[in-house]
């Protein structure tokens, strides 16, 4: 049982968000070691297979209402990372049309940012993240190796289009943006097959890919919300044990 003492960073998205907490990816360790357990709690709310359409009703259960916020710590930073499933090809049940995807993403932002919303949280800052580029060579091989084999469900250009839409929404809504699509594409030398350095199955990130993502998180925080940079956050508890015991030494 844990008391609610500290504010937090919440990561909300699909399986790409969830996979960052898997053994071997080290993303949780990176976040915790850099942000420090005495500054902010890190909450991962990644839902495998979800798109924005399915994510909205879940989000409304995950975040506190105005009334509930009075007795709870604040989510200081909300990182929303959707698009990988929304941008599936039309025949996929995960596909969300581009216009609907844009509307859903704006709705998620406005649930937190709009003073008219029941979930309005004026002290919560938001960063949107684009989906990464898909490596269709890896993805096709992964799907064809399944039993039974599956057809390719994503294409390269579609992920780019959805990523551009996320960037536009971030500008419209005046929130932070991490364009991981472009960062990863540039890091791969604009070679789709070289994306295998950052994606282990053509879709989900490797440890190297998540390191790229984490660096982008810090870069965006510094640029957009510098007050939330780990170096500027105050510790909830003293940084040195001796500070606690100066006035009253322990009796061991």
C-alpha atoms as a PDB file:
ATOM      1  CA  UNK A   1       0.000   0.000   0.000  1.00  0.00           C
ATOM      2  CA  UNK A   2       1.459   3.343  -1.075  1.00  0.00           C
ATOM      3  CA  UNK A   3       0.516   6.820   0.116  1.00  0.00           C
ATOM      4  CA  UNK A   4       0.048   9.563  -2.477  1.00  0.00           C
ATOM      5  CA  UNK A   5       2.966  11.847  -1.697  1.00  0.00           C
ATOM      6  CA  UNK A   6       4.542  12.791  -4.989  1.00  0.00           C
ATOM      7  CA  UNK A   7       3.489  14.364  -8.251  1.00  0.00           C
ATOM      8  CA  UNK A   8       4.068  12.311 -11.371  1.00  0.00           C
ATOM      9  CA  UNK A   9       4.820  11.918 -15.041  1.00  0.00           C
ATOM     10  CA  UNK A  10       2.246   9.775 -16.855  1.00  0.00           C
ATOM     11  CA  UNK A  11       3.006   7.985 -20.109  1.00  0.00           C
ATOM     12  CA  UNK A  12      -0.195   7.141 -22.015  1.00  0.00           C
ATOM     13  CA  UNK A  13      -0.192   5.166 -25.237  1.00  0.00           C
ATOM     14  CA  UNK A  14      -0.227   1.764 -26.921  1.00  0.00           C
ATOM     15  CA  UNK A  15       2.143  -1.216 -26.834  1.00  0.00           C
ATOM     16  CA  UNK A  16       5.121   0.928 -27.818  1.00  0.00           C
ATOM     17  CA  UNK A  17       4.675   2.795 -24.541  1.00  0.00           C
ATOM     18  CA  UNK A  18       4.096  -0.439 -22.621  1.00  0.00           C
ATOM     19  CA  UNK A  19       7.134  -2.173 -24.136  1.00  0.00           C
ATOM     20  CA  UNK A  20       9.426   0.468 -22.733  1.00  0.00           C
ATOM     21  CA  UNK A  21       8.953  -1.133 -19.307  1.00  0.00           C
ATOM     22  CA  UNK A  22       9.863  -4.647 -20.467  1.00  0.00           C
ATOM     23  CA  UNK A  23      13.051  -6.323 -19.184  1.00  0.00           C
ATOM     24  CA  UNK A  24      16.046  -5.480 -21.323  1.00  0.00           C
ATOM     25  CA  UNK A  25      14.711  -2.152 -22.569  1.00  0.00           C
ATOM     26  CA  UNK A  26      15.959  -0.286 -19.475  1.00  0.00           C
ATOM     27  CA  UNK A  27      13.574   2.608 -20.086  1.00  0.00           C
ATOM     28  CA  UNK A  28      12.132   2.441 -16.593  1.00  0.00           C
ATOM     29  CA  UNK A  29      15.630   2.404 -15.144  1.00  0.00           C
ATOM     30  CA  UNK A  30      16.655   5.357 -17.294  1.00  0.00           C
ATOM     31  CA  UNK A  31      13.634   7.415 -16.284  1.00  0.00           C
ATOM     32  CA  UNK A  32      13.911   6.628 -12.593  1.00  0.00           C
ATOM     33  CA  UNK A  33      17.670   7.145 -12.410  1.00  0.00           C
ATOM     34  CA  UNK A  34      17.510  10.489 -14.198  1.00  0.00           C
ATOM     35  CA  UNK A  35      14.339  11.927 -12.685  1.00  0.00           C
ATOM     36  CA  UNK A  36      14.982  10.480  -9.207  1.00  0.00           C
ATOM     37  CA  UNK A  37      12.407   8.658  -7.103  1.00  0.00           C
ATOM     38  CA  UNK A  38      12.285  11.611  -4.699  1.00  0.00           C
ATOM     39  CA  UNK A  39      11.146  14.087  -7.371  1.00  0.00           C
ATOM     40  CA  UNK A  40       8.356  12.571  -9.492  1.00  0.00           C
ATOM     41  CA  UNK A  41       6.723   9.163  -9.758  1.00  0.00           C
ATOM     42  CA  UNK A  42       6.734   7.610 -13.237  1.00  0.00           C
ATOM     43  CA  UNK A  43       3.402   6.070 -14.276  1.00  0.00           C
ATOM     44  CA  UNK A  44       3.287   3.879 -17.389  1.00  0.00           C
ATOM     45  CA  UNK A  45      -0.170   3.479 -18.893  1.00  0.00           C
ATOM     46  CA  UNK A  46       0.616   1.732 -22.176  1.00  0.00           C
ATOM     47  CA  UNK A  47      -2.185  -0.469 -23.569  1.00  0.00           C
ATOM     48  CA  UNK A  48      -1.170  -3.044 -26.143  1.00  0.00           C
ATOM     49  CA  UNK A  49      -3.249  -2.958 -29.319  1.00  0.00           C
ATOM     50  CA  UNK A  50      -5.093   0.244 -28.451  1.00  0.00           C
ATOM     51  CA  UNK A  51      -5.763   3.164 -30.764  1.00  0.00           C
ATOM     52  CA  UNK A  52      -7.071   6.627 -29.863  1.00  0.00           C
ATOM     53  CA  UNK A  53     -10.703   5.546 -30.259  1.00  0.00           C
ATOM     54  CA  UNK A  54     -10.344   2.836 -27.631  1.00  0.00           C
ATOM     55  CA  UNK A  55      -7.964   4.901 -25.534  1.00  0.00           C
ATOM     56  CA  UNK A  56     -10.342   7.788 -24.781  1.00  0.00           C
ATOM     57  CA  UNK A  57     -12.758   5.907 -22.468  1.00  0.00           C
ATOM     58  CA  UNK A  58      -9.788   4.349 -20.687  1.00  0.00           C
ATOM     59  CA  UNK A  59      -8.126   7.726 -20.239  1.00  0.00           C
ATOM     60  CA  UNK A  60     -11.282   9.101 -18.645  1.00  0.00           C
ATOM     61  CA  UNK A  61     -10.907   6.444 -15.958  1.00  0.00           C
ATOM     62  CA  UNK A  62      -7.166   6.954 -15.502  1.00  0.00           C
ATOM     63  CA  UNK A  63      -7.116  10.687 -14.816  1.00  0.00           C
ATOM     64  CA  UNK A  64      -8.671  12.465 -11.870  1.00  0.00           C
ATOM     65  CA  UNK A  65     -11.658  14.749 -12.184  1.00  0.00           C
ATOM     66  CA  UNK A  66     -11.494  18.322 -10.887  1.00  0.00           C
ATOM     67  CA  UNK A  67     -13.132  17.216  -7.652  1.00  0.00           C
ATOM     68  CA  UNK A  68     -10.756  14.281  -7.167  1.00  0.00           C
ATOM     69  CA  UNK A  69      -7.692  16.419  -7.887  1.00  0.00           C
ATOM     70  CA  UNK A  70      -8.169  18.299  -4.623  1.00  0.00           C
ATOM     71  CA  UNK A  71      -6.991  15.272  -2.646  1.00  0.00           C
ATOM     72  CA  UNK A  72      -4.443  13.830  -5.067  1.00  0.00           C
ATOM     73  CA  UNK A  73      -0.940  14.635  -6.332  1.00  0.00           C
ATOM     74  CA  UNK A  74      -0.686  16.313  -9.727  1.00  0.00           C
ATOM     75  CA  UNK A  75       0.312  14.723 -13.009  1.00  0.00           C
ATOM     76  CA  UNK A  76       2.892  17.390 -13.850  1.00  0.00           C
ATOM     77  CA  UNK A  77       3.662  15.979 -17.287  1.00  0.00           C
ATOM     78  CA  UNK A  78       1.451  13.853 -19.543  1.00  0.00           C
ATOM     79  CA  UNK A  79       3.155  12.199 -22.530  1.00  0.00           C
ATOM     80  CA  UNK A  80       0.631  10.925 -25.103  1.00  0.00           C
ATOM     81  CA  UNK A  81       1.993   8.474 -27.681  1.00  0.00           C
ATOM     82  CA  UNK A  82      -0.540   7.119 -30.170  1.00  0.00           C
ATOM     83  CA  UNK A  83      -0.642   6.595 -33.925  1.00  0.00           C
ATOM     84  CA  UNK A  84       1.103   3.295 -34.547  1.00  0.00           C
ATOM     85  CA  UNK A  85      -2.194   1.383 -34.436  1.00  0.00           C
ATOM     86  CA  UNK A  86      -4.430   4.180 -35.720  1.00  0.00           C
ATOM     87  CA  UNK A  87      -2.297   4.285 -38.888  1.00  0.00           C
ATOM     88  CA  UNK A  88      -2.813   0.595 -39.690  1.00  0.00           C
ATOM     89  CA  UNK A  89      -4.105  -0.167 -43.181  1.00  0.00           C
ATOM     90  CA  UNK A  90      -7.852   0.219 -43.672  1.00  0.00           C
ATOM     91  CA  UNK A  91      -8.597  -3.515 -43.459  1.00  0.00           C
ATOM     92  CA  UNK A  92      -7.205  -3.680 -39.913  1.00  0.00           C
ATOM     93  CA  UNK A  93      -9.694  -3.386 -37.009  1.00  0.00           C
ATOM     94  CA  UNK A  94      -7.163  -1.068 -35.337  1.00  0.00           C
ATOM     95  CA  UNK A  95      -7.324   1.469 -38.162  1.00  0.00           C
ATOM     96  CA  UNK A  96      -8.707   4.907 -37.328  1.00  0.00           C
ATOM     97  CA  UNK A  97      -9.280   7.289 -40.270  1.00  0.00           C
ATOM     98  CA  UNK A  98      -6.877  10.228 -40.265  1.00  0.00           C
ATOM     99  CA  UNK A  99      -9.515  12.881 -39.600  1.00  0.00           C
ATOM    100  CA  UNK A 100     -10.966  10.873 -36.703  1.00  0.00           C
ATOM    101  CA  UNK A 101      -7.489  10.251 -35.339  1.00  0.00           C
ATOM    102  CA  UNK A 102      -6.827  13.994 -35.315  1.00  0.00           C
ATOM    103  CA  UNK A 103     -10.157  14.645 -33.585  1.00  0.00           C
ATOM    104  CA  UNK A 104      -9.454  11.974 -30.956  1.00  0.00           C
ATOM    105  CA  UNK A 105      -6.010  13.324 -30.202  1.00  0.00           C
ATOM    106  CA  UNK A 106      -7.355  16.851 -29.810  1.00  0.00           C
ATOM    107  CA  UNK A 107     -10.038  15.481 -27.505  1.00  0.00           C
ATOM    108  CA  UNK A 108      -7.432  13.841 -25.258  1.00  0.00           C
ATOM    109  CA  UNK A 109      -5.530  17.122 -25.050  1.00  0.00           C
ATOM    110  CA  UNK A 110      -8.661  19.162 -24.370  1.00  0.00           C
ATOM    111  CA  UNK A 111      -9.818  16.806 -21.623  1.00  0.00           C
ATOM    112  CA  UNK A 112      -6.829  18.090 -19.663  1.00  0.00           C
ATOM    113  CA  UNK A 113      -6.362  21.605 -21.041  1.00  0.00           C
ATOM    114  CA  UNK A 114      -9.885  22.933 -21.512  1.00  0.00           C
ATOM    115  CA  UNK A 115     -11.355  24.870 -18.538  1.00  0.00           C
ATOM    116  CA  UNK A 116     -14.724  23.452 -19.594  1.00  0.00           C
ATOM    117  CA  UNK A 117     -13.588  19.847 -19.091  1.00  0.00           C
ATOM    118  CA  UNK A 118     -14.413  17.786 -16.004  1.00  0.00           C
ATOM    119  CA  UNK A 119     -10.760  16.674 -16.081  1.00  0.00           C
ATOM    120  CA  UNK A 120      -9.230  20.142 -16.408  1.00  0.00           C
ATOM    121  CA  UNK A 121      -5.806  20.200 -14.800  1.00  0.00           C
ATOM    122  CA  UNK A 122      -4.117  23.602 -15.255  1.00  0.00           C
ATOM    123  CA  UNK A 123      -0.833  22.404 -13.768  1.00  0.00           C
ATOM    124  CA  UNK A 124      -0.450  19.455 -16.145  1.00  0.00           C
ATOM    125  CA  UNK A 125       1.808  19.957 -19.144  1.00  0.00           C
ATOM    126  CA  UNK A 126       1.394  17.791 -22.253  1.00  0.00           C
ATOM    127  CA  UNK A 127       3.804  16.354 -24.809  1.00  0.00           C
ATOM    128  CA  UNK A 128       2.520  14.563 -27.906  1.00  0.00           C
ATOM    129  CA  UNK A 129       4.702  11.939 -29.583  1.00  0.00           C
ATOM    130  CA  UNK A 130       4.493  10.853 -33.200  1.00  0.00           C
ATOM    131  CA  UNK A 131       4.529   7.164 -34.043  1.00  0.00           C
ATOM    132  CA  UNK A 132       7.893   5.895 -35.306  1.00  0.00           C
ATOM    133  CA  UNK A 133       8.376   4.941 -38.946  1.00  0.00           C
ATOM    134  CA  UNK A 134       7.511   1.319 -39.707  1.00  0.00           C
ATOM    135  CA  UNK A 135      10.112  -0.998 -41.222  1.00  0.00           C
ATOM    136  CA  UNK A 136       7.936  -2.913 -43.678  1.00  0.00           C
ATOM    137  CA  UNK A 137      10.717  -5.421 -44.396  1.00  0.00           C
ATOM    138  CA  UNK A 138      10.856  -6.492 -40.755  1.00  0.00           C
ATOM    139  CA  UNK A 139       7.118  -6.189 -40.214  1.00  0.00           C
ATOM    140  CA  UNK A 140       6.240  -8.340 -43.236  1.00  0.00           C
ATOM    141  CA  UNK A 141       8.716 -11.050 -42.195  1.00  0.00           C
ATOM    142  CA  UNK A 142       7.345 -11.016 -38.642  1.00  0.00           C
ATOM    143  CA  UNK A 143       3.732 -11.406 -39.776  1.00  0.00           C
ATOM    144  CA  UNK A 144       4.463 -14.054 -42.415  1.00  0.00           C
ATOM    145  CA  UNK A 145       6.276 -16.161 -39.812  1.00  0.00           C
ATOM    146  CA  UNK A 146       3.147 -16.454 -37.674  1.00  0.00           C
ATOM    147  CA  UNK A 147       0.775 -19.407 -37.664  1.00  0.00           C
ATOM    148  CA  UNK A 148      -1.286 -18.769 -39.669  1.00  0.00           C
ATOM    149  CA  UNK A 149       0.701 -16.211 -41.676  1.00  0.00           C
ATOM    150  CA  UNK A 150      -0.685 -12.665 -41.728  1.00  0.00           C
ATOM    151  CA  UNK A 151      -0.606  -9.987 -44.400  1.00  0.00           C
ATOM    152  CA  UNK A 152       1.277  -6.733 -43.942  1.00  0.00           C
ATOM    153  CA  UNK A 153      -0.890  -4.399 -41.830  1.00  0.00           C
ATOM    154  CA  UNK A 154       1.088  -1.136 -42.025  1.00  0.00           C
ATOM    155  CA  UNK A 155       2.959   0.857 -44.610  1.00  0.00           C
ATOM    156  CA  UNK A 156       5.748   3.404 -44.448  1.00  0.00           C
ATOM    157  CA  UNK A 157       3.948   6.388 -45.954  1.00  0.00           C
ATOM    158  CA  UNK A 158       0.883   6.003 -43.744  1.00  0.00           C
ATOM    159  CA  UNK A 159       2.932   6.278 -40.560  1.00  0.00           C
ATOM    160  CA  UNK A 160       4.548   9.418 -41.963  1.00  0.00           C
ATOM    161  CA  UNK A 161       1.158  10.996 -42.696  1.00  0.00           C
ATOM    162  CA  UNK A 162      -0.139  10.268 -39.189  1.00  0.00           C
ATOM    163  CA  UNK A 163       3.097  11.579 -37.681  1.00  0.00           C
ATOM    164  CA  UNK A 164       2.710  14.854 -39.573  1.00  0.00           C
ATOM    165  CA  UNK A 165      -0.841  15.115 -38.223  1.00  0.00           C
ATOM    166  CA  UNK A 166       0.398  14.768 -34.635  1.00  0.00           C
ATOM    167  CA  UNK A 167       2.893  17.582 -35.231  1.00  0.00           C
ATOM    168  CA  UNK A 168       0.130  19.813 -36.549  1.00  0.00           C
ATOM    169  CA  UNK A 169      -2.098  19.155 -33.554  1.00  0.00           C
ATOM    170  CA  UNK A 170       0.726  19.924 -31.137  1.00  0.00           C
ATOM    171  CA  UNK A 171       1.168  23.288 -32.820  1.00  0.00           C
ATOM    172  CA  UNK A 172      -2.580  24.014 -32.825  1.00  0.00           C
ATOM    173  CA  UNK A 173      -2.999  23.098 -29.163  1.00  0.00           C
ATOM    174  CA  UNK A 174       0.269  24.731 -28.041  1.00  0.00           C
ATOM    175  CA  UNK A 175       1.712  21.611 -26.413  1.00  0.00           C
ATOM    176  CA  UNK A 176       5.105  19.938 -26.620  1.00  0.00           C
ATOM    177  CA  UNK A 177       5.980  17.617 -29.489  1.00  0.00           C
ATOM    178  CA  UNK A 178       8.451  14.774 -29.951  1.00  0.00           C
ATOM    179  CA  UNK A 179       8.807  13.926 -33.625  1.00  0.00           C
ATOM    180  CA  UNK A 180      10.303  10.486 -33.102  1.00  0.00           C
ATOM    181  CA  UNK A 181       9.371   9.587 -36.689  1.00  0.00           C
ATOM    182  CA  UNK A 182      11.835  12.119 -38.089  1.00  0.00           C
ATOM    183  CA  UNK A 183      14.478  11.559 -35.415  1.00  0.00           C
ATOM    184  CA  UNK A 184      14.502   7.818 -36.076  1.00  0.00           C
ATOM    185  CA  UNK A 185      14.400   8.239 -39.845  1.00  0.00           C
ATOM    186  CA  UNK A 186      17.350  10.629 -39.712  1.00  0.00           C
ATOM    187  CA  UNK A 187      19.260   8.304 -37.369  1.00  0.00           C
ATOM    188  CA  UNK A 188      18.687   5.448 -39.850  1.00  0.00           C
ATOM    189  CA  UNK A 189      20.234   7.495 -42.634  1.00  0.00           C
ATOM    190  CA  UNK A 190      16.910   7.617 -44.499  1.00  0.00           C
ATOM    191  CA  UNK A 191      17.223   3.900 -45.181  1.00  0.00           C
ATOM    192  CA  UNK A 192      14.171   1.836 -44.257  1.00  0.00           C
ATOM    193  CA  UNK A 193      16.093  -1.386 -43.697  1.00  0.00           C
ATOM    194  CA  UNK A 194      18.469   0.427 -41.323  1.00  0.00           C
ATOM    195  CA  UNK A 195      15.493   1.076 -39.050  1.00  0.00           C
ATOM    196  CA  UNK A 196      16.178  -2.436 -37.722  1.00  0.00           C
ATOM    197  CA  UNK A 197      18.728  -0.777 -35.424  1.00  0.00           C
ATOM    198  CA  UNK A 198      15.833   0.927 -33.653  1.00  0.00           C
ATOM    199  CA  UNK A 199      12.917  -1.495 -34.202  1.00  0.00           C
ATOM    200  CA  UNK A 200      13.098  -5.184 -33.339  1.00  0.00           C
ATOM    201  CA  UNK A 201      10.035  -6.310 -35.302  1.00  0.00           C
ATOM    202  CA  UNK A 202       9.491  -3.392 -37.633  1.00  0.00           C
ATOM    203  CA  UNK A 203       7.121  -1.720 -35.177  1.00  0.00           C
ATOM    204  CA  UNK A 204       8.313  -1.827 -31.548  1.00  0.00           C
ATOM    205  CA  UNK A 205      11.459  -0.101 -30.346  1.00  0.00           C
ATOM    206  CA  UNK A 206      14.721  -1.732 -29.353  1.00  0.00           C
ATOM    207  CA  UNK A 207      16.730  -0.503 -26.390  1.00  0.00           C
ATOM    208  CA  UNK A 208      18.622   1.755 -28.798  1.00  0.00           C
ATOM    209  CA  UNK A 209      15.328   3.105 -30.092  1.00  0.00           C
ATOM    210  CA  UNK A 210      14.117   3.853 -26.574  1.00  0.00           C
ATOM    211  CA  UNK A 211      17.368   5.633 -25.761  1.00  0.00           C
ATOM    212  CA  UNK A 212      16.690   7.853 -28.768  1.00  0.00           C
ATOM    213  CA  UNK A 213      13.190   8.441 -27.436  1.00  0.00           C
ATOM    214  CA  UNK A 214      14.368   9.228 -23.908  1.00  0.00           C
ATOM    215  CA  UNK A 215      16.920  11.742 -25.174  1.00  0.00           C
ATOM    216  CA  UNK A 216      14.110  13.373 -27.155  1.00  0.00           C
ATOM    217  CA  UNK A 217      11.953  13.568 -24.014  1.00  0.00           C
ATOM    218  CA  UNK A 218      14.630  15.503 -22.127  1.00  0.00           C
ATOM    219  CA  UNK A 219      15.295  17.707 -25.148  1.00  0.00           C
ATOM    220  CA  UNK A 220      11.605  18.577 -25.475  1.00  0.00           C
ATOM    221  CA  UNK A 221      11.172  19.211 -21.750  1.00  0.00           C
ATOM    222  CA  UNK A 222      14.159  21.571 -21.803  1.00  0.00           C
ATOM    223  CA  UNK A 223      12.786  23.422 -24.832  1.00  0.00           C
ATOM    224  CA  UNK A 224       9.080  23.551 -23.943  1.00  0.00           C
ATOM    225  CA  UNK A 225       8.726  23.080 -20.178  1.00  0.00           C
ATOM    226  CA  UNK A 226      12.165  23.868 -18.708  1.00  0.00           C
ATOM    227  CA  UNK A 227      10.762  24.043 -15.180  1.00  0.00           C
ATOM    228  CA  UNK A 228      10.106  20.288 -15.402  1.00  0.00           C
ATOM    229  CA  UNK A 229      13.639  19.333 -16.379  1.00  0.00           C
ATOM    230  CA  UNK A 230      15.031  16.830 -13.832  1.00  0.00           C
ATOM    231  CA  UNK A 231      17.875  19.185 -12.951  1.00  0.00           C
ATOM    232  CA  UNK A 232      15.364  21.825 -11.833  1.00  0.00           C
ATOM    233  CA  UNK A 233      12.887  19.645  -9.958  1.00  0.00           C
ATOM    234  CA  UNK A 234      12.936  19.813  -6.188  1.00  0.00           C
ATOM    235  CA  UNK A 235      13.213  16.643  -4.138  1.00  0.00           C
ATOM    236  CA  UNK A 236      10.226  15.711  -2.004  1.00  0.00           C
ATOM    237  CA  UNK A 237      12.575  14.297   0.652  1.00  0.00           C
ATOM    238  CA  UNK A 238      16.067  15.541   1.611  1.00  0.00           C
ATOM    239  CA  UNK A 239      18.882  14.664  -0.745  1.00  0.00           C
ATOM    240  CA  UNK A 240      21.366  13.706   1.970  1.00  0.00           C
ATOM    241  CA  UNK A 241      20.607  11.415   4.887  1.00  0.00           C
ATOM    242  CA  UNK A 242      22.741  13.506   7.208  1.00  0.00           C
ATOM    243  CA  UNK A 243      20.360  16.433   6.678  1.00  0.00           C
ATOM    244  CA  UNK A 244      17.634  14.408   8.343  1.00  0.00           C
ATOM    245  CA  UNK A 245      19.714  13.559  11.371  1.00  0.00           C
ATOM    246  CA  UNK A 246      21.484  16.857  12.025  1.00  0.00           C
ATOM    247  CA  UNK A 247      18.911  18.096  14.533  1.00  0.00           C
ATOM    248  CA  UNK A 248      18.091  14.702  16.010  1.00  0.00           C
ATOM    249  CA  UNK A 249      20.750  11.968  15.616  1.00  0.00           C
ATOM    250  CA  UNK A 250      19.375   8.448  15.355  1.00  0.00           C
ATOM    251  CA  UNK A 251      19.623   6.129  18.355  1.00  0.00           C
ATOM    252  CA  UNK A 252      20.775   2.824  16.842  1.00  0.00           C
END
